[in-house]
C-alpha atoms as a PDB file:
ATOM      1  CA  MET A   1     123.368 170.390  40.048  1.00  0.00           C
ATOM      2  CA  VAL A   2     126.827 172.070  41.435  1.00  0.00           C
ATOM      3  CA  LEU A   3     126.857 175.520  39.632  1.00  0.00           C
ATOM      4  CA  PRO A   4     130.735 177.435  38.826  1.00  0.00           C
ATOM      5  CA  GLU A   5     131.951 179.948  40.561  1.00  0.00           C
ATOM      6  CA  PHE A   6     133.940 182.354  39.782  1.00  0.00           C
ATOM      7  CA  GLN A   7     135.122 186.150  41.704  1.00  0.00           C
ATOM      8  CA  SER A   8     135.986 189.619  39.043  1.00  0.00           C
ATOM      9  CA  ASN A   9     137.509 192.486  40.326  1.00  0.00           C
ATOM     10  CA  ALA A  10     134.664 195.792  39.967  1.00  0.00           C
ATOM     11  CA  ASN A  11     135.548 196.372  36.141  1.00  0.00           C
ATOM     12  CA  GLY A  12     134.318 192.456  35.579  1.00  0.00           C
ATOM     13  CA  LEU A  13     138.158 191.358  34.830  1.00  0.00           C
ATOM     14  CA  SER A  14     139.419 188.328  35.666  1.00  0.00           C
ATOM     15  CA  GLY A  15     142.804 189.338  35.925  1.00  0.00           C
ATOM     16  CA  SER A  16     144.780 191.816  33.001  1.00  0.00           C
ATOM     17  CA  ALA A  17     143.362 193.144  30.121  1.00  0.00           C
ATOM     18  CA  ALA A  18     145.419 190.269  28.045  1.00  0.00           C
ATOM     19  CA  ASN A  19     143.913 187.534  30.161  1.00  0.00           C
ATOM     20  CA  THR A  20     140.862 185.452  27.970  1.00  0.00           C
ATOM     21  CA  THR A  21     140.073 183.571  31.346  1.00  0.00           C
ATOM     22  CA  ASN A  22     136.920 184.585  30.560  1.00  0.00           C
ATOM     23  CA  VAL A  23     135.999 182.783  27.376  1.00  0.00           C
ATOM     24  CA  SER A  24     138.182 179.988  29.079  1.00  0.00           C
ATOM     25  CA  TRP A  25     136.022 179.697  32.160  1.00  0.00           C
ATOM     26  CA  ALA A  26     133.083 179.198  29.504  1.00  0.00           C
ATOM     27  CA  ALA A  27     133.576 177.634  27.295  1.00  0.00           C
ATOM     28  CA  VAL A  28     134.771 174.449  30.003  1.00  0.00           C
ATOM     29  CA  SER A  29     131.785 174.842  31.721  1.00  0.00           C
ATOM     30  CA  VAL A  30     129.349 173.889  28.573  1.00  0.00           C
ATOM     31  CA  GLY A  31     131.181 172.038  27.063  1.00  0.00           C
ATOM     32  CA  THR A  32     131.620 170.210  30.686  1.00  0.00           C
ATOM     33  CA  VAL A  33     127.781 169.529  30.929  1.00  0.00           C
ATOM     34  CA  THR A  34     127.385 169.155  26.828  1.00  0.00           C
ATOM     35  CA  VAL A  35     130.198 165.897  27.364  1.00  0.00           C
ATOM     36  CA  ALA A  36     127.720 165.294  30.125  1.00  0.00           C
ATOM     37  CA  LEU A  37     124.600 165.344  28.545  1.00  0.00           C
ATOM     38  CA  HIS A  38     125.905 163.643  25.736  1.00  0.00           C
ATOM     39  CA  ALA A  39     127.182 160.338  28.242  1.00  0.00           C
ATOM     40  CA  VAL A  40     123.535 160.638  29.753  1.00  0.00           C
ATOM     41  CA  LEU A  41     121.736 159.753  26.788  1.00  0.00           C
ATOM     42  CA  ALA A  42     124.273 157.860  24.522  1.00  0.00           C
ATOM     43  CA  LEU A  43     122.996 154.046  25.759  1.00  0.00           C
ATOM     44  CA  PRO A  44     118.307 155.138  24.785  1.00  0.00           C
ATOM     45  CA  ARG A  45     120.499 157.626  21.620  1.00  0.00           C
ATOM     46  CA  ALA A  46     121.424 153.454  20.562  1.00  0.00           C
ATOM     47  CA  PHE A  47     118.812 151.615  21.896  1.00  0.00           C
ATOM     48  CA  LEU A  48     116.527 153.560  19.499  1.00  0.00           C
ATOM     49  CA  ALA A  49     118.910 153.555  16.175  1.00  0.00           C
ATOM     50  CA  GLY A  50     119.438 150.063  16.803  1.00  0.00           C
ATOM     51  CA  VAL A  51     115.988 148.760  17.470  1.00  0.00           C
ATOM     52  CA  LEU A  52     115.420 151.015  14.569  1.00  0.00           C
ATOM     53  CA  THR A  53     117.048 148.652  12.428  1.00  0.00           C
ATOM     54  CA  ALA A  54     114.355 146.230  12.477  1.00  0.00           C
ATOM     55  CA  LYS A  55     111.572 145.553   9.982  1.00  0.00           C
ATOM     56  CA  ALA A  56     108.296 147.946  11.154  1.00  0.00           C
ATOM     57  CA  ASP A  57     105.066 145.718  11.213  1.00  0.00           C
ATOM     58  CA  ARG A  58     101.256 146.719  11.771  1.00  0.00           C
ATOM     59  CA  ASP A  59      99.585 146.214  15.155  1.00  0.00           C
ATOM     60  CA  GLY A  60      96.608 148.531  14.273  1.00  0.00           C
ATOM     61  CA  ASP A  61      97.022 152.553  14.092  1.00  0.00           C
ATOM     62  CA  ASP A  62     100.496 151.504  15.699  1.00  0.00           C
ATOM     63  CA  TRP A  63     103.850 150.976  13.671  1.00  0.00           C
ATOM     64  CA  VAL A  64     105.872 148.381  16.013  1.00  0.00           C
ATOM     65  CA  TRP A  65     109.901 147.762  15.566  1.00  0.00           C
ATOM     66  CA  SER A  66     110.892 144.940  17.667  1.00  0.00           C
ATOM     67  CA  LYS A  67     114.603 144.200  18.094  1.00  0.00           C
ATOM     68  CA  THR A  68     116.423 141.590  20.524  1.00  0.00           C
ATOM     69  CA  PHE A  69     120.022 142.372  22.358  1.00  0.00           C
ATOM     70  CA  PRO A  70     121.824 139.271  22.761  1.00  0.00           C
ATOM     71  CA  LEU A  71     124.716 140.857  24.444  1.00  0.00           C
ATOM     72  CA  ALA A  72     122.861 142.436  26.428  1.00  0.00           C
ATOM     73  CA  GLY A  73     119.999 139.920  27.412  1.00  0.00           C
ATOM     74  CA  VAL A  74     116.905 142.872  26.357  1.00  0.00           C
ATOM     75  CA  GLU A  75     114.280 143.118  23.494  1.00  0.00           C
ATOM     76  CA  GLY A  76     113.157 146.444  23.075  1.00  0.00           C
ATOM     77  CA  GLU A  77     109.777 147.034  21.680  1.00  0.00           C
ATOM     78  CA  LEU A  78     109.372 150.400  19.927  1.00  0.00           C
ATOM     79  CA  ARG A  79     105.382 151.681  18.863  1.00  0.00           C
ATOM     80  CA  GLY A  80     105.115 154.169  16.540  1.00  0.00           C
ATOM     81  CA  ASN A  81     102.050 156.152  15.547  1.00  0.00           C
ATOM     82  CA  LEU A  82     100.281 159.563  14.014  1.00  0.00           C
ATOM     83  CA  ASP A  83      98.059 161.867  15.347  1.00  0.00           C
ATOM     84  CA  GLY A  84      97.510 163.714  12.795  1.00  0.00           C
ATOM     85  CA  ALA A  85     100.568 166.159  12.182  1.00  0.00           C
ATOM     86  CA  VAL A  86     101.555 164.438  15.463  1.00  0.00           C
ATOM     87  CA  LEU A  87     103.852 161.376  15.902  1.00  0.00           C
ATOM     88  CA  ASN A  88     103.903 159.657  19.226  1.00  0.00           C
ATOM     89  CA  LEU A  89     106.419 156.497  20.200  1.00  0.00           C
ATOM     90  CA  GLU A  90     106.880 154.238  23.034  1.00  0.00           C
ATOM     91  CA  MET A  91     109.732 152.554  23.758  1.00  0.00           C
ATOM     92  CA  TYR A  92     109.439 149.550  25.587  1.00  0.00           C
ATOM     93  CA  VAL A  93     112.138 147.017  27.390  1.00  0.00           C
ATOM     94  CA  ASP A  94     111.974 143.343  28.693  1.00  0.00           C
ATOM     95  CA  GLY A  95     114.424 142.097  29.881  1.00  0.00           C
ATOM     96  CA  LEU A  96     117.095 141.676  32.836  1.00  0.00           C
ATOM     97  CA  ARG A  97     119.321 145.171  34.098  1.00  0.00           C
ATOM     98  CA  ASN A  98     120.908 145.273  37.537  1.00  0.00           C
ATOM     99  CA  GLN A  99     119.632 141.925  38.597  1.00  0.00           C
ATOM    100  CA  GLU A 100     116.082 143.472  38.064  1.00  0.00           C
ATOM    101  CA  GLN A 101     113.768 141.965  35.684  1.00  0.00           C
ATOM    102  CA  LEU A 102     112.149 144.648  33.735  1.00  0.00           C
ATOM    103  CA  ASN A 103     108.508 143.258  31.628  1.00  0.00           C
ATOM    104  CA  HIS A 104     107.416 145.366  29.547  1.00  0.00           C
ATOM    105  CA  PHE A 105     108.759 148.967  31.259  1.00  0.00           C
ATOM    106  CA  LEU A 106     108.244 152.158  29.053  1.00  0.00           C
ATOM    107  CA  TRP A 107     111.398 153.418  29.126  1.00  0.00           C
ATOM    108  CA  PHE A 108     111.265 156.717  27.500  1.00  0.00           C
ATOM    109  CA  THR A 109     107.923 158.376  25.345  1.00  0.00           C
ATOM    110  CA  GLY A 110     108.496 161.236  22.418  1.00  0.00           C
ATOM    111  CA  THR A 111     105.711 163.719  20.865  1.00  0.00           C
ATOM    112  CA  HIS A 112     107.004 164.913  18.319  1.00  0.00           C
ATOM    113  CA  GLN A 113     106.202 167.193  14.570  1.00  0.00           C
ATOM    114  CA  SER A 114     107.396 169.397  12.965  1.00  0.00           C
ATOM    115  CA  GLY A 115     109.299 172.660  14.382  1.00  0.00           C
ATOM    116  CA  SER A 116     108.606 170.992  18.845  1.00  0.00           C
ATOM    117  CA  GLY A 117     108.718 168.076  20.625  1.00  0.00           C
ATOM    118  CA  ASN A 118     109.092 166.371  23.601  1.00  0.00           C
ATOM    119  CA  TRP A 119     110.971 163.774  25.231  1.00  0.00           C
ATOM    120  CA  THR A 120     109.639 161.590  28.826  1.00  0.00           C
ATOM    121  CA  LEU A 121     112.319 159.845  30.273  1.00  0.00           C
ATOM    122  CA  TYR A 122     111.723 157.093  32.970  1.00  0.00           C
ATOM    123  CA  ALA A 123     113.629 154.389  35.636  1.00  0.00           C
ATOM    124  CA  PRO A 124     112.321 151.727  37.541  1.00  0.00           C
ATOM    125  CA  GLU A 125     114.720 152.674  40.224  1.00  0.00           C
ATOM    126  CA  VAL A 126     112.410 155.399  40.963  1.00  0.00           C
ATOM    127  CA  ASP A 127     109.065 153.880  41.515  1.00  0.00           C
ATOM    128  CA  ARG A 128     109.409 154.114  37.063  1.00  0.00           C
ATOM    129  CA  GLY A 129     108.231 157.229  37.209  1.00  0.00           C
ATOM    130  CA  ALA A 130     109.390 160.066  35.096  1.00  0.00           C
ATOM    131  CA  VAL A 131     112.925 160.956  35.738  1.00  0.00           C
ATOM    132  CA  LEU A 132     113.627 163.793  32.796  1.00  0.00           C
ATOM    133  CA  THR A 133     111.565 165.888  30.057  1.00  0.00           C
ATOM    134  CA  ILE A 134     114.126 166.844  26.911  1.00  0.00           C
ATOM    135  CA  ASP A 135     111.643 169.692  24.737  1.00  0.00           C
ATOM    136  CA  TRP A 136     113.433 171.108  21.703  1.00  0.00           C
ATOM    137  CA  THR A 137     111.719 173.390  18.648  1.00  0.00           C
ATOM    138  CA  ARG A 138     112.977 174.536  15.172  1.00  0.00           C
ATOM    139  CA  ALA A 139     112.501 177.170  13.609  1.00  0.00           C
ATOM    140  CA  SER A 140     114.742 177.411  11.299  1.00  0.00           C
ATOM    141  CA  GLY A 141     118.674 176.477  11.156  1.00  0.00           C
ATOM    142  CA  THR A 142     118.930 180.313  13.423  1.00  0.00           C
ATOM    143  CA  ASP A 143     116.268 179.438  15.520  1.00  0.00           C
ATOM    144  CA  LYS A 144     116.134 176.732  18.460  1.00  0.00           C
ATOM    145  CA  THR A 145     115.866 175.730  21.529  1.00  0.00           C
ATOM    146  CA  LEU A 146     117.093 172.500  23.284  1.00  0.00           C
ATOM    147  CA  THR A 147     115.802 172.080  26.767  1.00  0.00           C
ATOM    148  CA  PHE A 148     116.287 169.707  30.128  1.00  0.00           C
ATOM    149  CA  THR A 149     114.699 169.669  32.510  1.00  0.00           C
ATOM    150  CA  ASN A 150     114.548 167.067  36.092  1.00  0.00           C
ATOM    151  CA  VAL A 151     111.457 165.919  36.965  1.00  0.00           C
ATOM    152  CA  THR A 152     112.269 162.853  39.338  1.00  0.00           C
ATOM    153  CA  ALA A 153     109.835 162.999  42.421  1.00  0.00           C
ATOM    154  CA  ASP A 154     111.158 164.011  45.762  1.00  0.00           C
ATOM    155  CA  VAL A 155     114.736 165.123  45.219  1.00  0.00           C
ATOM    156  CA  ASP A 156     117.013 168.343  45.797  1.00  0.00           C
ATOM    157  CA  GLU A 157     117.647 168.221  41.721  1.00  0.00           C
ATOM    158  CA  HIS A 158     113.878 168.272  40.537  1.00  0.00           C
ATOM    159  CA  GLY A 159     112.955 170.890  38.862  1.00  0.00           C
ATOM    160  CA  ASP A 160     116.745 171.199  37.689  1.00  0.00           C
ATOM    161  CA  ILE A 161     116.774 172.973  33.898  1.00  0.00           C
ATOM    162  CA  ILE A 162     120.243 172.963  31.300  1.00  0.00           C
ATOM    163  CA  GLU A 163     118.839 174.516  28.118  1.00  0.00           C
ATOM    164  CA  TYR A 164     120.324 175.862  24.665  1.00  0.00           C
ATOM    165  CA  GLU A 165     119.692 178.520  22.252  1.00  0.00           C
ATOM    166  CA  LEU A 166     120.305 180.151  19.274  1.00  0.00           C
ATOM    167  CA  LYS A 167     117.859 183.195  18.109  1.00  0.00           C
ATOM    168  CA  GLY A 168     119.925 184.181  15.266  1.00  0.00           C
ATOM    169  CA  THR A 169     123.833 185.199  15.469  1.00  0.00           C
ATOM    170  CA  ALA A 170     123.110 185.076  19.783  1.00  0.00           C
ATOM    171  CA  ALA A 171     123.759 181.871  21.251  1.00  0.00           C
ATOM    172  CA  SER A 172     123.117 180.528  24.984  1.00  0.00           C
ATOM    173  CA  PHE A 173     123.575 178.326  27.822  1.00  0.00           C
ATOM    174  CA  LEU A 174     121.398 178.608  30.775  1.00  0.00           C
ATOM    175  CA  ILE A 175     121.881 176.355  33.666  1.00  0.00           C
ATOM    176  CA  HIS A 176     119.366 176.813  36.314  1.00  0.00           C
ATOM    177  CA  ASP A 177     119.097 175.074  39.700  1.00  0.00           C
ATOM    178  CA  ALA A 178     116.546 175.050  41.245  1.00  0.00           C
ATOM    179  CA  LYS A 179     118.352 174.271  44.545  1.00  0.00           C
ATOM    180  CA  ASP A 180     121.150 174.408  45.829  1.00  0.00           C
ATOM    181  CA  SER A 181     123.105 173.205  48.903  1.00  0.00           C
ATOM    182  CA  GLN A 182     121.757 176.247  50.683  1.00  0.00           C
ATOM    183  CA  GLY A 183     117.670 175.668  49.538  1.00  0.00           C
ATOM    184  CA  SER A 184     118.139 178.488  47.110  1.00  0.00           C
ATOM    185  CA  SER A 185     117.882 178.555  43.414  1.00  0.00           C
ATOM    186  CA  ARG A 186     120.640 179.839  41.296  1.00  0.00           C
ATOM    187  CA  ALA A 187     121.505 180.081  37.891  1.00  0.00           C
ATOM    188  CA  PHE A 188     124.314 180.118  35.021  1.00  0.00           C
ATOM    189  CA  GLU A 189     124.022 181.361  32.059  1.00  0.00           C
ATOM    190  CA  VAL A 190     126.751 181.861  29.025  1.00  0.00           C
ATOM    191  CA  LYS A 191     125.989 183.694  26.164  1.00  0.00           C
ATOM    192  CA  TRP A 192     128.243 184.716  22.747  1.00  0.00           C
ATOM    193  CA  ASP A 193     128.125 185.495  19.859  1.00  0.00           C
ATOM    194  CA  VAL A 194     128.470 182.724  17.253  1.00  0.00           C
ATOM    195  CA  GLU A 195     130.274 185.330  14.254  1.00  0.00           C
ATOM    196  CA  ASP A 196     132.367 186.960  16.372  1.00  0.00           C
ATOM    197  CA  GLY A 197     133.154 185.280  19.815  1.00  0.00           C
ATOM    198  CA  SER A 198     132.646 187.552  21.565  1.00  0.00           C
ATOM    199  CA  GLY A 199     130.189 187.129  24.812  1.00  0.00           C
ATOM    200  CA  SER A 200     129.627 186.714  27.908  1.00  0.00           C
ATOM    201  CA  MET A 201     128.640 184.562  31.272  1.00  0.00           C
ATOM    202  CA  ARG A 202     126.408 185.914  34.731  1.00  0.00           C
ATOM    203  CA  LEU A 203     125.956 183.727  37.957  1.00  0.00           C
ATOM    204  CA  GLU A 204     123.008 185.692  40.050  1.00  0.00           C
ATOM    205  CA  ASP A 205     124.431 189.587  39.286  1.00  0.00           C
ATOM    206  CA  GLU A 206     127.804 188.744  38.623  1.00  0.00           C
ATOM    207  CA  VAL A 207     129.207 189.196  34.403  1.00  0.00           C
ATOM    208  CA  LEU A 208     132.368 187.933  32.756  1.00  0.00           C
ATOM    209  CA  CYS A 209     132.347 189.626  29.483  1.00  0.00           C
ATOM    210  CA  TRP A 210     135.235 188.672  26.784  1.00  0.00           C
ATOM    211  CA  ASP A 211     135.725 190.154  23.106  1.00  0.00           C
ATOM    212  CA  THR A 212     135.558 189.231  19.211  1.00  0.00           C
ATOM    213  CA  ILE A 213     137.775 186.474  17.885  1.00  0.00           C
ATOM    214  CA  GLU A 214     138.954 189.719  15.905  1.00  0.00           C
ATOM    215  CA  ASN A 215     139.938 191.179  19.463  1.00  0.00           C
ATOM    216  CA  GLY A 216     141.890 187.944  20.766  1.00  0.00           C
ATOM    217  CA  GLN A 217     138.433 187.377  23.309  1.00  0.00           C
ATOM    218  CA  VAL A 218     140.548 189.003  26.069  1.00  0.00           C
ATOM    219  CA  ASP A 219     138.577 190.094  28.858  1.00  0.00           C
ATOM    220  CA  ILE A 220     137.052 192.761  29.012  1.00  0.00           C
ATOM    221  CA  ALA A 221     135.037 194.896  31.306  1.00  0.00           C
ATOM    222  CA  CYS A 222     131.642 194.200  30.549  1.00  0.00           C
ATOM    223  CA  PRO A 223     129.297 196.680  29.144  1.00  0.00           C
END
């Protein structure tokens, strides 16, 4: 995973005190990664929504939703069951994908309860192994986390993490690069107050900060 690079002077300023470079840089970093994640997850989310439009049937303890998508040439089957307070989901796909015939391929699974859950995505091109996990917690609208972890085996990106967190008015965005081009792990983090707009971003030991919305979110020396 490629992390952003930035330079600051001894006071933690990107330039003059009137600049808003730091908050702009942070917004672009968070926005770019968020858009990329939405793009990666667009297909499985749309597929899940499409399958759920079908009528559910019972198969033993499972509820089963099946739907064929003629234009895409694939069929989806979603199986779900309750184990106490835990909802378990499995999505299977049949059809042609990039010239490869998928036969009841397990595309993703989910395990969810009232305050937490997990999705695991699989890919046929990596010997049908897991490639991504998505973990979430939600205690309230202002106390929640969302964590994406690359679990693809035998790649440098294995162990890379992207995490969003909100605790009260304190929001954060973290990228953990498990193995950079030099073979080392690195982290990039953005923190901000969702009410007053002040915040900071950190790359290893280097930190850049900005002021509140009321003060124009200008670059400031970090506390």
